[in-house]
Amino acid sequence: MSLYEILVFIHIISAIIGLGPGFILTRVTKSATNLTELKHGYKVKRQLHYFVMAGGTLLLVTGLWMGFINTALFEQGWYIISLVLFLFALAMGPTVLKRNSKPIKSLLNEHTGEEIPEKYYPLAQRLYRIEYMENTIFITIIILMITKPF
């Protein structure tokens, strides 16, 4: 097995480890019916996010490494667009997602009782829309990598 084939293998495993859990992060908190379940859901999301970060980092490293081995990839539209979309989605984590998660974390830490506060729902809807957009970006990347249309 060549180094390139090993990188492809690691790249695919990284996609499963990193992107797989990322697609369910929104569902983890959506079904909560009380504050205890909601807080637990966000705790589970945080734990799953470690897999997303590790897998995402490996995806980026192996993807670039494959590009440096096979420089023709940098001339392929699907590769360049996938890389740009991935970097854009990656940048969303510490910027847009963090900014929209902070008020939710504060609200859940300050609120007492078991009822989910009404203020939570519009904040969660905004966060879910961003997470859905990020999932759409990742699905687009997966489609580009499978089909290599240009």
N, C-alpha and C. Protein backbone atom coordinates (compact mmCIF):
# COMPACT_ATOMS: atom_id res chain seq x y z
N MET A 1 0.86 -1.18 0.00
CA MET A 1 0.00 0.00 0.00
C MET A 1 0.90 1.24 0.00
N SER A 2 0.61 2.17 -0.90
CA SER A 2 1.41 3.39 -0.99
C SER A 2 1.00 4.39 0.09
N LEU A 3 1.84 5.38 0.31
CA LEU A 3 1.52 6.45 1.27
C LEU A 3 0.21 7.12 0.88
N TYR A 4 0.02 7.36 -0.41
CA TYR A 4 -1.19 8.02 -0.88
C TYR A 4 -2.43 7.18 -0.55
N GLU A 5 -2.35 5.87 -0.75
CA GLU A 5 -3.48 4.99 -0.44
C GLU A 5 -3.76 4.97 1.07
N ILE A 6 -2.72 5.01 1.87
CA ILE A 6 -2.88 5.08 3.32
C ILE A 6 -3.58 6.38 3.70
N LEU A 7 -3.19 7.48 3.07
CA LEU A 7 -3.81 8.78 3.35
C LEU A 7 -5.29 8.78 2.95
N VAL A 8 -5.60 8.16 1.82
CA VAL A 8 -7.01 8.06 1.39
C VAL A 8 -7.80 7.28 2.44
N PHE A 9 -7.24 6.18 2.92
CA PHE A 9 -7.90 5.37 3.94
C PHE A 9 -8.14 6.19 5.21
N ILE A 10 -7.11 6.88 5.69
CA ILE A 10 -7.23 7.71 6.89
C ILE A 10 -8.24 8.83 6.65
N HIS A 11 -8.23 9.39 5.46
CA HIS A 11 -9.15 10.47 5.11
C HIS A 11 -10.61 9.99 5.20
N ILE A 12 -10.88 8.82 4.69
CA ILE A 12 -12.25 8.27 4.73
C ILE A 12 -12.66 7.96 6.17
N ILE A 13 -11.78 7.33 6.93
CA ILE A 13 -12.08 7.04 8.35
C ILE A 13 -12.30 8.34 9.11
N SER A 14 -11.49 9.35 8.83
CA SER A 14 -11.64 10.65 9.49
C SER A 14 -12.99 11.29 9.17
N ALA A 15 -13.44 11.12 7.94
CA ALA A 15 -14.75 11.66 7.56
C ALA A 15 -15.86 10.99 8.37
N ILE A 16 -15.74 9.69 8.54
CA ILE A 16 -16.75 8.96 9.32
C ILE A 16 -16.71 9.41 10.78
N ILE A 17 -15.52 9.50 11.34
CA ILE A 17 -15.37 9.88 12.75
C ILE A 17 -15.74 11.34 12.98
N GLY A 18 -15.35 12.21 12.05
CA GLY A 18 -15.57 13.64 12.25
C GLY A 18 -16.91 14.14 11.77
N LEU A 19 -17.32 13.74 10.59
CA LEU A 19 -18.56 14.27 10.04
C LEU A 19 -19.79 13.52 10.54
N GLY A 20 -19.64 12.22 10.75
CA GLY A 20 -20.78 11.42 11.22
C GLY A 20 -21.47 12.03 12.45
N PRO A 21 -20.73 12.20 13.55
CA PRO A 21 -21.36 12.79 14.73
C PRO A 21 -21.85 14.23 14.49
N GLY A 22 -21.18 14.94 13.61
CA GLY A 22 -21.58 16.32 13.33
C GLY A 22 -22.99 16.42 12.77
N PHE A 23 -23.41 15.39 12.03
CA PHE A 23 -24.74 15.42 11.44
C PHE A 23 -25.86 15.20 12.46
N ILE A 24 -25.53 14.68 13.63
CA ILE A 24 -26.59 14.45 14.63
C ILE A 24 -26.57 15.46 15.78
N LEU A 25 -25.62 16.37 15.79
CA LEU A 25 -25.51 17.30 16.91
C LEU A 25 -26.80 18.08 17.16
N THR A 26 -27.48 18.48 16.12
CA THR A 26 -28.71 19.25 16.29
C THR A 26 -29.80 18.40 16.93
N ARG A 27 -29.90 17.15 16.53
CA ARG A 27 -30.95 16.27 17.06
C ARG A 27 -30.79 15.99 18.54
N VAL A 28 -29.57 16.05 19.05
CA VAL A 28 -29.31 15.71 20.45
C VAL A 28 -30.09 16.61 21.40
N THR A 29 -30.26 17.87 21.06
CA THR A 29 -30.95 18.80 21.96
C THR A 29 -32.39 19.07 21.54
N LYS A 30 -32.75 18.76 20.32
CA LYS A 30 -34.09 19.10 19.82
C LYS A 30 -35.21 18.36 20.54
N SER A 31 -34.96 17.17 21.01
CA SER A 31 -36.03 16.37 21.60
C SER A 31 -36.19 16.58 23.11
N ALA A 32 -35.40 17.46 23.70
CA ALA A 32 -35.49 17.70 25.15
C ALA A 32 -36.84 18.27 25.52
N THR A 33 -37.40 17.76 26.62
CA THR A 33 -38.71 18.25 27.08
C THR A 33 -38.63 19.02 28.39
N ASN A 34 -37.46 18.99 29.04
CA ASN A 34 -37.29 19.77 30.27
C ASN A 34 -35.84 20.24 30.36
N LEU A 35 -35.56 21.07 31.33
CA LEU A 35 -34.24 21.68 31.44
C LEU A 35 -33.14 20.66 31.71
N THR A 36 -33.42 19.64 32.51
CA THR A 36 -32.42 18.62 32.80
C THR A 36 -32.02 17.89 31.52
N GLU A 37 -33.00 17.51 30.71
CA GLU A 37 -32.71 16.83 29.44
C GLU A 37 -31.95 17.76 28.50
N LEU A 38 -32.33 19.02 28.47
CA LEU A 38 -31.68 19.98 27.59
C LEU A 38 -30.22 20.18 27.99
N LYS A 39 -29.97 20.35 29.28
CA LYS A 39 -28.59 20.50 29.75
C LYS A 39 -27.77 19.25 29.44
N HIS A 40 -28.39 18.09 29.63
CA HIS A 40 -27.69 16.84 29.32
C HIS A 40 -27.40 16.76 27.81
N GLY A 41 -28.35 17.19 27.00
CA GLY A 41 -28.17 17.20 25.55
C GLY A 41 -26.99 18.05 25.14
N TYR A 42 -26.86 19.21 25.74
CA TYR A 42 -25.71 20.08 25.42
C TYR A 42 -24.40 19.49 25.92
N LYS A 43 -24.46 18.75 27.03
CA LYS A 43 -23.25 18.07 27.52
C LYS A 43 -22.85 16.97 26.53
N VAL A 44 -23.80 16.21 26.03
CA VAL A 44 -23.53 15.17 25.03
C VAL A 44 -22.97 15.81 23.75
N LYS A 45 -23.59 16.93 23.33
CA LYS A 45 -23.10 17.64 22.13
C LYS A 45 -21.63 18.02 22.29
N ARG A 46 -21.28 18.51 23.45
CA ARG A 46 -19.90 18.93 23.70
C ARG A 46 -18.96 17.73 23.60
N GLN A 47 -19.38 16.57 24.14
CA GLN A 47 -18.55 15.37 24.07
C GLN A 47 -18.40 14.88 22.63
N LEU A 48 -19.48 14.89 21.86
CA LEU A 48 -19.43 14.49 20.45
C LEU A 48 -18.57 15.44 19.63
N HIS A 49 -18.56 16.69 20.05
CA HIS A 49 -17.80 17.70 19.31
C HIS A 49 -16.30 17.38 19.30
N TYR A 50 -15.81 16.69 20.31
CA TYR A 50 -14.40 16.29 20.32
C TYR A 50 -14.08 15.37 19.13
N PHE A 51 -15.01 14.46 18.81
CA PHE A 51 -14.84 13.59 17.65
C PHE A 51 -14.87 14.42 16.36
N VAL A 52 -15.77 15.40 16.31
CA VAL A 52 -15.88 16.27 15.14
C VAL A 52 -14.57 17.03 14.93
N MET A 53 -14.02 17.57 16.01
CA MET A 53 -12.76 18.34 15.90
C MET A 53 -11.60 17.44 15.49
N ALA A 54 -11.49 16.27 16.11
CA ALA A 54 -10.38 15.36 15.77
C ALA A 54 -10.51 14.88 14.33
N GLY A 55 -11.69 14.42 13.96
CA GLY A 55 -11.90 13.96 12.59
C GLY A 55 -11.71 15.07 11.58
N GLY A 56 -12.21 16.26 11.89
CA GLY A 56 -12.07 17.40 10.99
C GLY A 56 -10.62 17.81 10.79
N THR A 57 -9.85 17.77 11.86
CA THR A 57 -8.43 18.10 11.76
C THR A 57 -7.71 17.09 10.87
N LEU A 58 -7.99 15.80 11.10
CA LEU A 58 -7.38 14.76 10.27
C LEU A 58 -7.82 14.88 8.82
N LEU A 59 -9.07 15.25 8.58
CA LEU A 59 -9.55 15.45 7.21
C LEU A 59 -8.73 16.53 6.51
N LEU A 60 -8.55 17.64 7.18
CA LEU A 60 -7.81 18.74 6.59
C LEU A 60 -6.35 18.34 6.32
N VAL A 61 -5.71 17.73 7.31
CA VAL A 61 -4.31 17.35 7.18
C VAL A 61 -4.13 16.32 6.06
N THR A 62 -4.95 15.27 6.07
CA THR A 62 -4.78 14.24 5.04
C THR A 62 -5.17 14.76 3.66
N GLY A 63 -6.19 15.60 3.58
CA GLY A 63 -6.59 16.17 2.30
C GLY A 63 -5.49 17.03 1.69
N LEU A 64 -4.88 17.87 2.51
CA LEU A 64 -3.78 18.70 2.02
C LEU A 64 -2.55 17.86 1.68
N TRP A 65 -2.27 16.88 2.51
CA TRP A 65 -1.12 16.01 2.27
C TRP A 65 -1.27 15.27 0.94
N MET A 66 -2.50 14.78 0.67
CA MET A 66 -2.74 14.12 -0.62
C MET A 66 -2.53 15.11 -1.76
N GLY A 67 -2.93 16.37 -1.55
CA GLY A 67 -2.72 17.40 -2.57
C GLY A 67 -1.25 17.69 -2.82
N PHE A 68 -0.45 17.65 -1.78
CA PHE A 68 0.98 17.89 -1.95
C PHE A 68 1.67 16.70 -2.63
N ILE A 69 1.16 15.50 -2.40
CA ILE A 69 1.71 14.32 -3.08
C ILE A 69 1.28 14.31 -4.55
N ASN A 70 0.00 14.59 -4.76
CA ASN A 70 -0.56 14.61 -6.12
C ASN A 70 -0.97 16.05 -6.43
N THR A 71 -0.02 16.86 -6.86
CA THR A 71 -0.26 18.30 -7.06
C THR A 71 -1.31 18.59 -8.13
N ALA A 72 -1.62 17.62 -8.97
CA ALA A 72 -2.68 17.80 -9.96
C ALA A 72 -4.02 18.07 -9.30
N LEU A 73 -4.18 17.65 -8.04
CA LEU A 73 -5.44 17.91 -7.31
C LEU A 73 -5.70 19.41 -7.20
N PHE A 74 -4.62 20.20 -7.05
CA PHE A 74 -4.78 21.65 -6.92
C PHE A 74 -5.24 22.30 -8.22
N GLU A 75 -5.34 21.53 -9.28
CA GLU A 75 -5.85 22.03 -10.56
C GLU A 75 -7.28 21.56 -10.80
N GLN A 76 -7.81 20.74 -9.89
CA GLN A 76 -9.17 20.20 -10.02
C GLN A 76 -10.16 21.11 -9.30
N GLY A 77 -11.21 21.51 -10.00
CA GLY A 77 -12.21 22.40 -9.41
C GLY A 77 -12.88 21.81 -8.18
N TRP A 78 -13.24 20.52 -8.24
CA TRP A 78 -13.92 19.89 -7.11
C TRP A 78 -13.04 19.92 -5.85
N TYR A 79 -11.73 19.74 -6.01
CA TYR A 79 -10.80 19.73 -4.88
C TYR A 79 -10.69 21.12 -4.27
N ILE A 80 -10.51 22.12 -5.12
CA ILE A 80 -10.36 23.50 -4.64
C ILE A 80 -11.64 23.97 -3.96
N ILE A 81 -12.79 23.72 -4.60
CA ILE A 81 -14.07 24.13 -4.00
C ILE A 81 -14.29 23.40 -2.68
N SER A 82 -13.99 22.10 -2.64
CA SER A 82 -14.14 21.33 -1.40
C SER A 82 -13.26 21.91 -0.29
N LEU A 83 -12.03 22.25 -0.63
CA LEU A 83 -11.11 22.81 0.35
C LEU A 83 -11.60 24.17 0.85
N VAL A 84 -12.05 25.03 -0.05
CA VAL A 84 -12.55 26.35 0.35
C VAL A 84 -13.80 26.19 1.22
N LEU A 85 -14.72 25.32 0.83
CA LEU A 85 -15.93 25.09 1.63
C LEU A 85 -15.58 24.53 3.01
N PHE A 86 -14.61 23.61 3.05
CA PHE A 86 -14.21 23.02 4.32
C PHE A 86 -13.61 24.08 5.24
N LEU A 87 -12.74 24.92 4.70
CA LEU A 87 -12.13 25.98 5.51
C LEU A 87 -13.18 26.97 6.00
N PHE A 88 -14.16 27.27 5.14
CA PHE A 88 -15.25 28.16 5.53
C PHE A 88 -16.06 27.54 6.67
N ALA A 89 -16.42 26.25 6.53
CA ALA A 89 -17.18 25.56 7.58
C ALA A 89 -16.36 25.46 8.86
N LEU A 90 -15.08 25.22 8.73
CA LEU A 90 -14.19 25.15 9.88
C LEU A 90 -14.15 26.49 10.63
N ALA A 91 -14.11 27.56 9.88
CA ALA A 91 -14.07 28.91 10.48
C ALA A 91 -15.38 29.26 11.18
N MET A 92 -16.47 28.62 10.79
CA MET A 92 -17.76 28.90 11.42
C MET A 92 -17.78 28.49 12.89
N GLY A 93 -17.02 27.45 13.25
CA GLY A 93 -17.02 26.96 14.63
C GLY A 93 -16.67 28.02 15.66
N PRO A 94 -15.46 28.57 15.59
CA PRO A 94 -15.07 29.55 16.61
C PRO A 94 -15.69 30.94 16.39
N THR A 95 -16.39 31.14 15.31
CA THR A 95 -16.99 32.45 15.05
C THR A 95 -18.51 32.38 15.21
N VAL A 96 -19.19 32.02 14.17
CA VAL A 96 -20.66 32.06 14.14
C VAL A 96 -21.29 31.08 15.14
N LEU A 97 -20.82 29.84 15.16
CA LEU A 97 -21.42 28.87 16.08
C LEU A 97 -21.17 29.25 17.53
N LYS A 98 -19.96 29.66 17.84
CA LYS A 98 -19.65 30.04 19.22
C LYS A 98 -20.48 31.25 19.66
N ARG A 99 -20.57 32.25 18.77
CA ARG A 99 -21.34 33.46 19.08
C ARG A 99 -22.81 33.14 19.34
N ASN A 100 -23.36 32.18 18.62
CA ASN A 100 -24.77 31.83 18.80
C ASN A 100 -24.99 30.80 19.90
N SER A 101 -23.95 30.12 20.34
CA SER A 101 -24.06 29.15 21.44
C SER A 101 -23.93 29.81 22.80
N LYS A 102 -23.15 30.88 22.87
CA LYS A 102 -22.88 31.55 24.15
C LYS A 102 -24.14 31.98 24.90
N PRO A 103 -25.08 32.68 24.23
CA PRO A 103 -26.29 33.08 24.96
C PRO A 103 -27.10 31.90 25.46
N ILE A 104 -27.08 30.80 24.72
CA ILE A 104 -27.81 29.60 25.15
C ILE A 104 -27.16 29.03 26.41
N LYS A 105 -25.84 28.93 26.42
CA LYS A 105 -25.14 28.41 27.59
C LYS A 105 -25.41 29.27 28.81
N SER A 106 -25.36 30.59 28.64
CA SER A 106 -25.63 31.50 29.75
C SER A 106 -27.05 31.32 30.27
N LEU A 107 -27.99 31.26 29.36
CA LEU A 107 -29.40 31.11 29.73
C LEU A 107 -29.62 29.82 30.50
N LEU A 108 -29.04 28.73 30.03
CA LEU A 108 -29.24 27.44 30.70
C LEU A 108 -28.54 27.40 32.06
N ASN A 109 -27.41 28.07 32.20
CA ASN A 109 -26.71 28.11 33.48
C ASN A 109 -27.44 28.97 34.51
N GLU A 110 -28.12 30.02 34.06
CA GLU A 110 -28.77 30.96 34.97
C GLU A 110 -30.19 30.53 35.35
N HIS A 111 -30.83 29.78 34.48
CA HIS A 111 -32.24 29.43 34.69
C HIS A 111 -32.37 28.33 35.73
N THR A 112 -33.38 28.47 36.59
CA THR A 112 -33.67 27.43 37.58
C THR A 112 -35.02 26.81 37.27
N GLY A 113 -35.27 25.68 37.84
CA GLY A 113 -36.52 24.97 37.57
C GLY A 113 -36.32 23.96 36.46
N GLU A 114 -37.40 23.30 36.09
CA GLU A 114 -37.33 22.25 35.08
C GLU A 114 -37.91 22.66 33.74
N GLU A 115 -38.61 23.76 33.72
CA GLU A 115 -39.21 24.20 32.46
C GLU A 115 -38.16 24.91 31.60
N ILE A 116 -38.18 24.58 30.31
CA ILE A 116 -37.25 25.23 29.38
C ILE A 116 -37.73 26.67 29.19
N PRO A 117 -36.86 27.65 29.42
CA PRO A 117 -37.29 29.05 29.29
C PRO A 117 -37.70 29.40 27.85
N GLU A 118 -38.72 30.24 27.72
CA GLU A 118 -39.20 30.64 26.39
C GLU A 118 -38.13 31.35 25.58
N LYS A 119 -37.23 32.06 26.25
CA LYS A 119 -36.14 32.76 25.56
C LYS A 119 -35.23 31.79 24.80
N TYR A 120 -35.23 30.53 25.23
CA TYR A 120 -34.35 29.54 24.62
C TYR A 120 -34.72 29.25 23.17
N TYR A 121 -36.00 29.16 22.88
CA TYR A 121 -36.44 28.67 21.57
C TYR A 121 -35.97 29.51 20.37
N PRO A 122 -36.09 30.84 20.41
CA PRO A 122 -35.56 31.59 19.26
C PRO A 122 -34.04 31.50 19.14
N LEU A 123 -33.35 31.42 20.27
CA LEU A 123 -31.89 31.27 20.24
C LEU A 123 -31.51 29.92 19.63
N ALA A 124 -32.23 28.88 20.04
CA ALA A 124 -31.95 27.54 19.52
C ALA A 124 -32.27 27.46 18.02
N GLN A 125 -33.36 28.09 17.60
CA GLN A 125 -33.71 28.06 16.17
C GLN A 125 -32.61 28.69 15.32
N ARG A 126 -32.05 29.78 15.79
CA ARG A 126 -30.96 30.45 15.07
C ARG A 126 -29.74 29.52 15.00
N LEU A 127 -29.40 28.89 16.12
CA LEU A 127 -28.27 27.97 16.15
C LEU A 127 -28.52 26.77 15.24
N TYR A 128 -29.73 26.22 15.26
CA TYR A 128 -30.07 25.08 14.40
C TYR A 128 -29.92 25.44 12.93
N ARG A 129 -30.38 26.63 12.55
CA ARG A 129 -30.25 27.05 11.14
C ARG A 129 -28.78 27.08 10.71
N ILE A 130 -27.93 27.56 11.58
CA ILE A 130 -26.49 27.61 11.28
C ILE A 130 -25.93 26.19 11.19
N GLU A 131 -26.33 25.33 12.12
CA GLU A 131 -25.86 23.94 12.09
C GLU A 131 -26.34 23.23 10.82
N TYR A 132 -27.58 23.49 10.41
CA TYR A 132 -28.10 22.89 9.17
C TYR A 132 -27.32 23.40 7.96
N MET A 133 -26.98 24.68 7.97
CA MET A 133 -26.20 25.23 6.88
C MET A 133 -24.83 24.55 6.82
N GLU A 134 -24.22 24.37 7.97
CA GLU A 134 -22.92 23.71 8.02
C GLU A 134 -23.03 22.26 7.53
N ASN A 135 -24.08 21.56 7.92
CA ASN A 135 -24.29 20.19 7.45
C ASN A 135 -24.47 20.16 5.93
N THR A 136 -25.16 21.15 5.40
CA THR A 136 -25.35 21.24 3.94
C THR A 136 -24.01 21.44 3.25
N ILE A 137 -23.15 22.25 3.83
CA ILE A 137 -21.81 22.45 3.27
C ILE A 137 -21.05 21.12 3.26
N PHE A 138 -21.12 20.37 4.36
CA PHE A 138 -20.40 19.10 4.42
C PHE A 138 -20.97 18.07 3.45
N ILE A 139 -22.28 18.05 3.28
CA ILE A 139 -22.88 17.14 2.30
C ILE A 139 -22.42 17.52 0.90
N THR A 140 -22.35 18.82 0.62
CA THR A 140 -21.87 19.29 -0.68
C THR A 140 -20.43 18.83 -0.91
N ILE A 141 -19.60 18.95 0.11
CA ILE A 141 -18.20 18.50 0.00
C ILE A 141 -18.14 17.00 -0.28
N ILE A 142 -18.94 16.23 0.44
CA ILE A 142 -18.95 14.77 0.24
C ILE A 142 -19.37 14.44 -1.20
N ILE A 143 -20.40 15.12 -1.70
CA ILE A 143 -20.85 14.89 -3.07
C ILE A 143 -19.75 15.24 -4.07
N LEU A 144 -19.07 16.36 -3.84
CA LEU A 144 -17.97 16.76 -4.73
C LEU A 144 -16.85 15.72 -4.71
N MET A 145 -16.53 15.20 -3.55
CA MET A 145 -15.44 14.23 -3.45
C MET A 145 -15.80 12.90 -4.07
N ILE A 146 -17.06 12.53 -4.02
CA ILE A 146 -17.48 11.26 -4.62
C ILE A 146 -17.58 11.38 -6.14
N THR A 147 -18.23 12.46 -6.59
CA THR A 147 -18.50 12.58 -8.03
C THR A 147 -17.36 13.21 -8.83
N LYS A 148 -16.56 14.04 -8.18
CA LYS A 148 -15.46 14.77 -8.86
C LYS A 148 -15.94 15.32 -10.21
N PRO A 149 -16.96 16.19 -10.18
CA PRO A 149 -17.62 16.59 -11.42
C PRO A 149 -16.78 17.49 -12.35
N PHE A 150 -15.77 18.16 -11.83
CA PHE A 150 -14.95 19.05 -12.68
C PHE A 150 -13.59 19.24 -12.05
